[in-house]
Amino acid sequence: MTILYFGQIQSITSLAKEELNGATNLKELKELLIKKYPTLSDANFVFSVNQKIVEACELKENDEVALLPPFSGG
């Protein structure tokens, strides 16, 4: 699956995107990412899967997952 990073998350990973496999749901993906980028554990972010913000879901190989920093409206 493709993982996209934005804002402070992109600063932590030093990447805009990468391909990752090995997670079947968001909980597993978060654990995998924190193991790879330990400072993510201190970051505040939400997941978007295929352009929809979600708190939990099953993941498929061709999904696009974005880690989005907090944002505020005006």
N, C-alpha and C. Protein backbone atom coordinates (compact mmCIF):
# COMPACT_ATOMS: atom_id res chain seq x y z
N MET A 1 0.84 -1.17 0.00
CA MET A 1 0.00 0.00 0.00
C MET A 1 0.88 1.24 0.00
N THR A 2 0.32 2.33 -0.46
CA THR A 2 1.05 3.59 -0.50
C THR A 2 0.72 4.39 0.74
N ILE A 3 1.76 4.86 1.42
CA ILE A 3 1.59 5.68 2.61
C ILE A 3 2.05 7.10 2.26
N LEU A 4 1.18 8.07 2.51
CA LEU A 4 1.49 9.48 2.24
C LEU A 4 1.66 10.21 3.56
N TYR A 5 2.65 11.09 3.61
CA TYR A 5 2.93 11.85 4.83
C TYR A 5 2.78 13.35 4.55
N PHE A 6 2.17 14.06 5.50
CA PHE A 6 1.95 15.50 5.34
C PHE A 6 2.40 16.25 6.59
N GLY A 7 2.76 17.52 6.41
CA GLY A 7 3.07 18.41 7.53
C GLY A 7 4.17 17.88 8.42
N GLN A 8 3.94 17.93 9.73
CA GLN A 8 4.94 17.50 10.70
C GLN A 8 5.27 16.03 10.56
N ILE A 9 4.33 15.24 10.07
CA ILE A 9 4.59 13.81 9.87
C ILE A 9 5.64 13.62 8.78
N GLN A 10 5.55 14.41 7.74
CA GLN A 10 6.55 14.35 6.67
C GLN A 10 7.93 14.74 7.21
N SER A 11 7.97 15.71 8.13
CA SER A 11 9.24 16.11 8.74
C SER A 11 9.83 14.95 9.56
N ILE A 12 8.98 14.21 10.25
CA ILE A 12 9.45 13.09 11.08
C ILE A 12 10.01 11.97 10.21
N THR A 13 9.32 11.63 9.13
CA THR A 13 9.73 10.51 8.28
C THR A 13 10.76 10.90 7.23
N SER A 14 10.86 12.20 6.94
CA SER A 14 11.72 12.72 5.86
C SER A 14 11.29 12.18 4.49
N LEU A 15 10.04 11.76 4.39
CA LEU A 15 9.50 11.24 3.13
C LEU A 15 8.13 11.86 2.88
N ALA A 16 7.79 12.01 1.60
CA ALA A 16 6.44 12.44 1.23
C ALA A 16 5.54 11.21 1.07
N LYS A 17 6.16 10.09 0.62
CA LYS A 17 5.40 8.85 0.49
C LYS A 17 6.34 7.67 0.43
N GLU A 18 5.79 6.51 0.72
CA GLU A 18 6.54 5.26 0.60
C GLU A 18 5.57 4.10 0.45
N GLU A 19 6.09 2.99 -0.01
CA GLU A 19 5.30 1.76 -0.14
C GLU A 19 5.60 0.87 1.07
N LEU A 20 4.56 0.42 1.73
CA LEU A 20 4.72 -0.46 2.89
C LEU A 20 3.73 -1.60 2.79
N ASN A 21 4.13 -2.75 3.28
CA ASN A 21 3.24 -3.90 3.37
C ASN A 21 3.42 -4.52 4.74
N GLY A 22 2.56 -5.42 5.10
CA GLY A 22 2.71 -6.12 6.36
C GLY A 22 1.68 -5.74 7.41
N ALA A 23 0.76 -4.85 7.08
CA ALA A 23 -0.30 -4.47 8.02
C ALA A 23 -1.65 -4.78 7.39
N THR A 24 -2.53 -5.38 8.17
CA THR A 24 -3.86 -5.71 7.65
C THR A 24 -4.94 -4.75 8.15
N ASN A 25 -4.57 -3.90 9.13
CA ASN A 25 -5.52 -2.90 9.62
C ASN A 25 -4.75 -1.68 10.13
N LEU A 26 -5.45 -0.63 10.50
CA LEU A 26 -4.78 0.61 10.91
C LEU A 26 -4.00 0.45 12.21
N LYS A 27 -4.48 -0.37 13.12
CA LYS A 27 -3.75 -0.58 14.38
C LYS A 27 -2.37 -1.19 14.09
N GLU A 28 -2.34 -2.21 13.24
CA GLU A 28 -1.06 -2.83 12.86
C GLU A 28 -0.17 -1.84 12.13
N LEU A 29 -0.76 -1.05 11.24
CA LEU A 29 0.02 -0.07 10.50
C LEU A 29 0.64 0.96 11.43
N LYS A 30 -0.14 1.45 12.39
CA LYS A 30 0.39 2.44 13.34
C LYS A 30 1.55 1.84 14.13
N GLU A 31 1.41 0.61 14.59
CA GLU A 31 2.49 -0.06 15.32
C GLU A 31 3.74 -0.20 14.45
N LEU A 32 3.55 -0.59 13.19
CA LEU A 32 4.66 -0.75 12.26
C LEU A 32 5.37 0.59 12.03
N LEU A 33 4.58 1.66 11.85
CA LEU A 33 5.16 2.98 11.60
C LEU A 33 5.90 3.52 12.82
N ILE A 34 5.35 3.29 14.01
CA ILE A 34 6.02 3.77 15.22
C ILE A 34 7.32 3.00 15.46
N LYS A 35 7.32 1.72 15.10
CA LYS A 35 8.56 0.95 15.21
C LYS A 35 9.62 1.50 14.25
N LYS A 36 9.19 1.89 13.05
CA LYS A 36 10.10 2.41 12.04
C LYS A 36 10.51 3.86 12.32
N TYR A 37 9.56 4.66 12.83
CA TYR A 37 9.78 6.07 13.14
C TYR A 37 9.33 6.33 14.58
N PRO A 38 10.18 6.04 15.58
CA PRO A 38 9.76 6.12 16.98
C PRO A 38 9.17 7.48 17.40
N THR A 39 9.62 8.57 16.82
CA THR A 39 9.09 9.88 17.23
C THR A 39 7.64 10.08 16.79
N LEU A 40 7.12 9.21 15.93
CA LEU A 40 5.70 9.29 15.57
C LEU A 40 4.80 9.05 16.77
N SER A 41 5.32 8.34 17.78
CA SER A 41 4.50 8.07 18.97
C SER A 41 4.12 9.35 19.70
N ASP A 42 4.90 10.41 19.52
CA ASP A 42 4.61 11.70 20.16
C ASP A 42 3.79 12.63 19.26
N ALA A 43 3.58 12.23 18.01
CA ALA A 43 2.90 13.09 17.04
C ALA A 43 1.38 12.89 17.10
N ASN A 44 0.66 13.94 16.80
CA ASN A 44 -0.79 13.89 16.74
C ASN A 44 -1.19 13.86 15.27
N PHE A 45 -1.91 12.82 14.85
CA PHE A 45 -2.32 12.71 13.45
C PHE A 45 -3.55 11.83 13.32
N VAL A 46 -4.19 11.94 12.19
CA VAL A 46 -5.32 11.06 11.86
C VAL A 46 -4.98 10.31 10.58
N PHE A 47 -5.65 9.18 10.39
CA PHE A 47 -5.47 8.39 9.18
C PHE A 47 -6.57 8.70 8.18
N SER A 48 -6.18 8.75 6.92
CA SER A 48 -7.12 8.81 5.82
C SER A 48 -6.83 7.60 4.94
N VAL A 49 -7.86 6.82 4.64
CA VAL A 49 -7.70 5.66 3.77
C VAL A 49 -8.55 5.89 2.53
N ASN A 50 -7.87 5.92 1.39
CA ASN A 50 -8.54 6.19 0.12
C ASN A 50 -9.36 7.48 0.20
N GLN A 51 -8.75 8.50 0.78
CA GLN A 51 -9.27 9.87 0.86
C GLN A 51 -10.48 10.01 1.78
N LYS A 52 -10.62 9.11 2.75
CA LYS A 52 -11.67 9.22 3.77
C LYS A 52 -11.03 9.07 5.13
N ILE A 53 -11.28 10.03 6.03
CA ILE A 53 -10.72 9.97 7.37
C ILE A 53 -11.43 8.85 8.14
N VAL A 54 -10.62 7.96 8.71
CA VAL A 54 -11.15 6.81 9.43
C VAL A 54 -10.37 6.62 10.72
N GLU A 55 -11.02 5.96 11.69
CA GLU A 55 -10.34 5.64 12.94
C GLU A 55 -9.88 4.19 12.96
N ALA A 56 -10.60 3.34 12.24
CA ALA A 56 -10.23 1.92 12.18
C ALA A 56 -10.79 1.33 10.89
N CYS A 57 -10.02 0.47 10.27
CA CYS A 57 -10.50 -0.25 9.08
C CYS A 57 -9.50 -1.32 8.69
N GLU A 58 -9.96 -2.26 7.89
CA GLU A 58 -9.08 -3.27 7.31
C GLU A 58 -8.38 -2.63 6.11
N LEU A 59 -7.15 -3.06 5.87
CA LEU A 59 -6.37 -2.49 4.77
C LEU A 59 -6.15 -3.54 3.69
N LYS A 60 -6.12 -3.06 2.44
CA LYS A 60 -5.85 -3.91 1.29
C LYS A 60 -4.56 -3.44 0.62
N GLU A 61 -4.01 -4.29 -0.19
CA GLU A 61 -2.70 -4.04 -0.81
C GLU A 61 -2.67 -2.74 -1.63
N ASN A 62 -3.78 -2.41 -2.30
CA ASN A 62 -3.77 -1.24 -3.18
C ASN A 62 -4.32 0.03 -2.51
N ASP A 63 -4.51 0.01 -1.19
CA ASP A 63 -5.02 1.19 -0.50
C ASP A 63 -3.99 2.32 -0.47
N GLU A 64 -4.51 3.53 -0.41
CA GLU A 64 -3.68 4.72 -0.21
C GLU A 64 -4.00 5.26 1.18
N VAL A 65 -3.01 5.26 2.03
CA VAL A 65 -3.19 5.70 3.42
C VAL A 65 -2.39 6.97 3.63
N ALA A 66 -3.05 8.00 4.15
CA ALA A 66 -2.37 9.26 4.44
C ALA A 66 -2.36 9.50 5.94
N LEU A 67 -1.25 10.01 6.45
CA LEU A 67 -1.17 10.45 7.83
C LEU A 67 -1.25 11.95 7.82
N LEU A 68 -2.32 12.46 8.40
CA LEU A 68 -2.60 13.89 8.34
C LEU A 68 -2.43 14.53 9.72
N PRO A 69 -1.68 15.63 9.80
CA PRO A 69 -1.56 16.34 11.07
C PRO A 69 -2.87 17.03 11.41
N PRO A 70 -3.02 17.48 12.65
CA PRO A 70 -4.25 18.20 13.00
C PRO A 70 -4.42 19.44 12.12
N PHE A 71 -5.63 19.75 11.81
CA PHE A 71 -5.90 20.94 11.01
C PHE A 71 -7.11 21.66 11.62
N SER A 72 -7.16 22.94 11.38
CA SER A 72 -8.29 23.72 11.94
C SER A 72 -8.94 24.51 10.83
N GLY A 73 -10.22 24.73 10.98
CA GLY A 73 -10.97 25.49 9.99
C GLY A 73 -10.96 26.97 10.31
N GLY A 74 -11.37 27.74 9.34
CA GLY A 74 -11.36 29.17 9.56
C GLY A 74 -12.72 29.79 9.41
